[in-house]
């Protein structure tokens, strides 16, 4: 299970980049409800999507999942 700060970090990164949940859903080819689930901690993305997120947002996977604060 990912650390509890993952949902908040993802939501903040998405907003900081001017994206809607539907934008992320389209980018990662998942449903909008999947993205919503990630942001409320109901479900988790695959490892491949986590890596893609780090590239998209220009941060490390460790940052996204809460292992580092930078």
N, C-alpha and C. Protein backbone atom coordinates (compact mmCIF):
# COMPACT_ATOMS: atom_id res chain seq x y z
N UNK A 1 0.84 -1.19 0.00
CA UNK A 1 0.00 0.00 0.00
C UNK A 1 0.88 1.25 0.00
N UNK A 2 0.53 2.22 -0.81
CA UNK A 2 1.30 3.45 -0.86
C UNK A 2 1.04 4.28 0.39
N UNK A 3 2.04 5.07 0.76
CA UNK A 3 1.87 5.93 1.93
C UNK A 3 0.65 6.83 1.74
N UNK A 4 0.08 7.24 2.84
CA UNK A 4 -1.16 8.00 2.78
C UNK A 4 -1.03 9.35 2.11
N UNK A 5 0.18 9.88 1.97
CA UNK A 5 0.29 11.20 1.33
C UNK A 5 0.22 11.10 -0.20
N UNK A 6 0.26 9.89 -0.77
CA UNK A 6 0.18 9.76 -2.22
C UNK A 6 -1.06 10.45 -2.80
N UNK A 7 -2.26 10.20 -2.26
CA UNK A 7 -3.43 10.87 -2.85
C UNK A 7 -3.32 12.39 -2.87
N UNK A 8 -2.84 12.97 -1.77
CA UNK A 8 -2.72 14.43 -1.70
C UNK A 8 -1.64 14.94 -2.65
N UNK A 9 -0.53 14.23 -2.71
CA UNK A 9 0.55 14.66 -3.63
C UNK A 9 0.09 14.62 -5.07
N UNK A 10 -0.59 13.55 -5.45
CA UNK A 10 -1.08 13.44 -6.82
C UNK A 10 -2.04 14.57 -7.15
N UNK A 11 -2.98 14.82 -6.26
CA UNK A 11 -3.97 15.88 -6.50
C UNK A 11 -3.28 17.23 -6.63
N UNK A 12 -2.31 17.51 -5.77
CA UNK A 12 -1.61 18.79 -5.82
C UNK A 12 -0.79 18.91 -7.10
N UNK A 13 -0.09 17.86 -7.48
CA UNK A 13 0.69 17.89 -8.73
C UNK A 13 -0.22 18.12 -9.93
N UNK A 14 -1.36 17.46 -9.92
CA UNK A 14 -2.32 17.63 -11.02
C UNK A 14 -2.79 19.07 -11.10
N UNK A 15 -3.18 19.62 -9.96
CA UNK A 15 -3.68 21.00 -9.94
C UNK A 15 -2.57 21.99 -10.29
N UNK A 16 -1.37 21.77 -9.76
CA UNK A 16 -0.24 22.66 -10.05
C UNK A 16 0.07 22.70 -11.55
N UNK A 17 -0.28 21.64 -12.24
CA UNK A 17 -0.03 21.56 -13.68
C UNK A 17 -1.26 21.89 -14.51
N UNK A 18 -2.29 22.44 -13.84
CA UNK A 18 -3.48 22.89 -14.55
C UNK A 18 -4.27 21.78 -15.22
N UNK A 19 -4.24 20.60 -14.61
CA UNK A 19 -4.91 19.45 -15.21
C UNK A 19 -6.16 19.08 -14.42
N UNK A 20 -7.15 18.59 -15.14
CA UNK A 20 -8.35 18.02 -14.52
C UNK A 20 -8.15 16.52 -14.37
N UNK A 21 -8.98 15.90 -13.54
CA UNK A 21 -8.93 14.45 -13.43
C UNK A 21 -9.12 13.80 -14.80
N UNK A 22 -9.99 14.37 -15.60
CA UNK A 22 -10.24 13.81 -16.93
C UNK A 22 -9.00 13.92 -17.82
N UNK A 23 -8.19 14.96 -17.63
CA UNK A 23 -6.94 15.09 -18.39
C UNK A 23 -5.99 13.95 -18.05
N UNK A 24 -5.85 13.67 -16.75
CA UNK A 24 -4.97 12.57 -16.33
C UNK A 24 -5.51 11.24 -16.83
N UNK A 25 -6.81 11.06 -16.73
CA UNK A 25 -7.42 9.82 -17.19
C UNK A 25 -7.11 9.58 -18.66
N UNK A 26 -7.25 10.63 -19.45
CA UNK A 26 -6.98 10.52 -20.89
C UNK A 26 -5.50 10.22 -21.12
N UNK A 27 -4.64 10.92 -20.41
CA UNK A 27 -3.19 10.73 -20.58
C UNK A 27 -2.76 9.30 -20.27
N UNK A 28 -3.30 8.74 -19.18
CA UNK A 28 -2.90 7.40 -18.76
C UNK A 28 -3.81 6.30 -19.29
N UNK A 29 -4.82 6.70 -20.10
CA UNK A 29 -5.75 5.75 -20.70
C UNK A 29 -6.46 4.89 -19.64
N UNK A 30 -6.96 5.60 -18.63
CA UNK A 30 -7.76 4.97 -17.58
C UNK A 30 -9.05 5.77 -17.45
N UNK A 31 -9.97 5.29 -16.64
CA UNK A 31 -11.22 6.02 -16.43
C UNK A 31 -11.00 7.19 -15.46
N UNK A 32 -11.90 8.17 -15.56
CA UNK A 32 -11.84 9.29 -14.62
C UNK A 32 -12.08 8.79 -13.20
N UNK A 33 -12.90 7.76 -13.04
CA UNK A 33 -13.14 7.23 -11.70
C UNK A 33 -11.88 6.56 -11.13
N UNK A 34 -11.01 6.03 -11.99
CA UNK A 34 -9.74 5.48 -11.51
C UNK A 34 -8.88 6.60 -10.94
N UNK A 35 -8.80 7.72 -11.64
CA UNK A 35 -8.02 8.86 -11.16
C UNK A 35 -8.62 9.38 -9.86
N UNK A 36 -9.93 9.49 -9.80
CA UNK A 36 -10.59 9.92 -8.58
C UNK A 36 -10.25 8.98 -7.43
N UNK A 37 -10.26 7.69 -7.71
CA UNK A 37 -9.91 6.70 -6.70
C UNK A 37 -8.49 6.86 -6.19
N UNK A 38 -7.56 7.17 -7.09
CA UNK A 38 -6.17 7.42 -6.66
C UNK A 38 -6.12 8.60 -5.71
N UNK A 39 -6.88 9.65 -6.03
CA UNK A 39 -6.81 10.89 -5.25
C UNK A 39 -7.52 10.80 -3.90
N UNK A 40 -8.37 9.83 -3.72
CA UNK A 40 -9.01 9.66 -2.41
C UNK A 40 -8.46 8.44 -1.67
N UNK A 41 -7.52 7.74 -2.28
CA UNK A 41 -6.89 6.60 -1.63
C UNK A 41 -7.68 5.31 -1.70
N UNK A 42 -8.67 5.26 -2.59
CA UNK A 42 -9.51 4.07 -2.73
C UNK A 42 -8.79 2.98 -3.53
N UNK A 43 -7.97 3.39 -4.47
CA UNK A 43 -7.20 2.43 -5.27
C UNK A 43 -5.86 3.05 -5.64
N UNK A 44 -5.02 2.28 -6.31
CA UNK A 44 -3.66 2.72 -6.62
C UNK A 44 -3.33 2.48 -8.08
N UNK A 45 -2.48 3.34 -8.64
CA UNK A 45 -2.06 3.13 -10.02
C UNK A 45 -1.04 1.99 -10.10
N UNK A 46 -0.85 1.48 -11.28
CA UNK A 46 0.18 0.46 -11.49
C UNK A 46 1.56 1.11 -11.36
N UNK A 47 2.57 0.27 -11.22
CA UNK A 47 3.94 0.79 -11.16
C UNK A 47 4.30 1.53 -12.43
N UNK A 48 3.86 1.00 -13.57
CA UNK A 48 4.15 1.67 -14.83
C UNK A 48 3.56 3.07 -14.87
N UNK A 49 2.34 3.22 -14.37
CA UNK A 49 1.71 4.55 -14.35
C UNK A 49 2.43 5.45 -13.36
N UNK A 50 2.86 4.91 -12.22
CA UNK A 50 3.63 5.73 -11.27
C UNK A 50 4.88 6.29 -11.93
N UNK A 51 5.56 5.47 -12.68
CA UNK A 51 6.77 5.94 -13.38
C UNK A 51 6.41 7.00 -14.40
N UNK A 52 5.33 6.78 -15.15
CA UNK A 52 4.87 7.77 -16.12
C UNK A 52 4.50 9.09 -15.43
N UNK A 53 3.88 9.00 -14.25
CA UNK A 53 3.52 10.20 -13.48
C UNK A 53 4.78 11.00 -13.13
N UNK A 54 5.81 10.30 -12.71
CA UNK A 54 7.04 11.00 -12.31
C UNK A 54 7.62 11.74 -13.50
N UNK A 55 7.55 11.15 -14.68
CA UNK A 55 8.05 11.80 -15.89
C UNK A 55 7.16 12.99 -16.25
N UNK A 56 5.85 12.77 -16.23
CA UNK A 56 4.90 13.83 -16.59
C UNK A 56 5.06 15.06 -15.70
N UNK A 57 5.18 14.84 -14.39
CA UNK A 57 5.23 15.94 -13.44
C UNK A 57 6.66 16.40 -13.11
N UNK A 58 7.66 15.68 -13.60
CA UNK A 58 9.05 16.08 -13.37
C UNK A 58 9.50 15.93 -11.93
N UNK A 59 8.99 14.90 -11.26
CA UNK A 59 9.37 14.61 -9.87
C UNK A 59 9.72 13.13 -9.78
N UNK A 60 10.33 12.75 -8.68
CA UNK A 60 10.68 11.34 -8.51
C UNK A 60 9.47 10.54 -8.04
N UNK A 61 9.51 9.24 -8.29
CA UNK A 61 8.48 8.36 -7.76
C UNK A 61 8.49 8.44 -6.23
N UNK A 62 9.69 8.52 -5.64
CA UNK A 62 9.78 8.65 -4.18
C UNK A 62 9.01 9.86 -3.67
N UNK A 63 9.06 10.97 -4.41
CA UNK A 63 8.30 12.15 -4.00
C UNK A 63 6.80 11.86 -4.08
N UNK A 64 6.36 11.30 -5.19
CA UNK A 64 4.93 11.05 -5.38
C UNK A 64 4.38 10.15 -4.27
N UNK A 65 5.13 9.13 -3.91
CA UNK A 65 4.61 8.19 -2.90
C UNK A 65 4.94 8.60 -1.47
N UNK A 66 5.65 9.70 -1.31
CA UNK A 66 5.88 10.23 0.03
C UNK A 66 7.14 9.77 0.73
N UNK A 67 8.04 9.16 0.01
CA UNK A 67 9.30 8.73 0.64
C UNK A 67 10.30 9.86 0.75
N UNK A 68 10.11 10.89 -0.07
CA UNK A 68 10.98 12.07 -0.03
C UNK A 68 10.14 13.32 -0.18
N UNK A 69 10.65 14.43 0.33
CA UNK A 69 9.91 15.70 0.24
C UNK A 69 10.45 16.62 -0.84
N UNK A 70 11.22 16.08 -1.77
CA UNK A 70 11.78 16.89 -2.87
C UNK A 70 11.80 16.09 -4.13
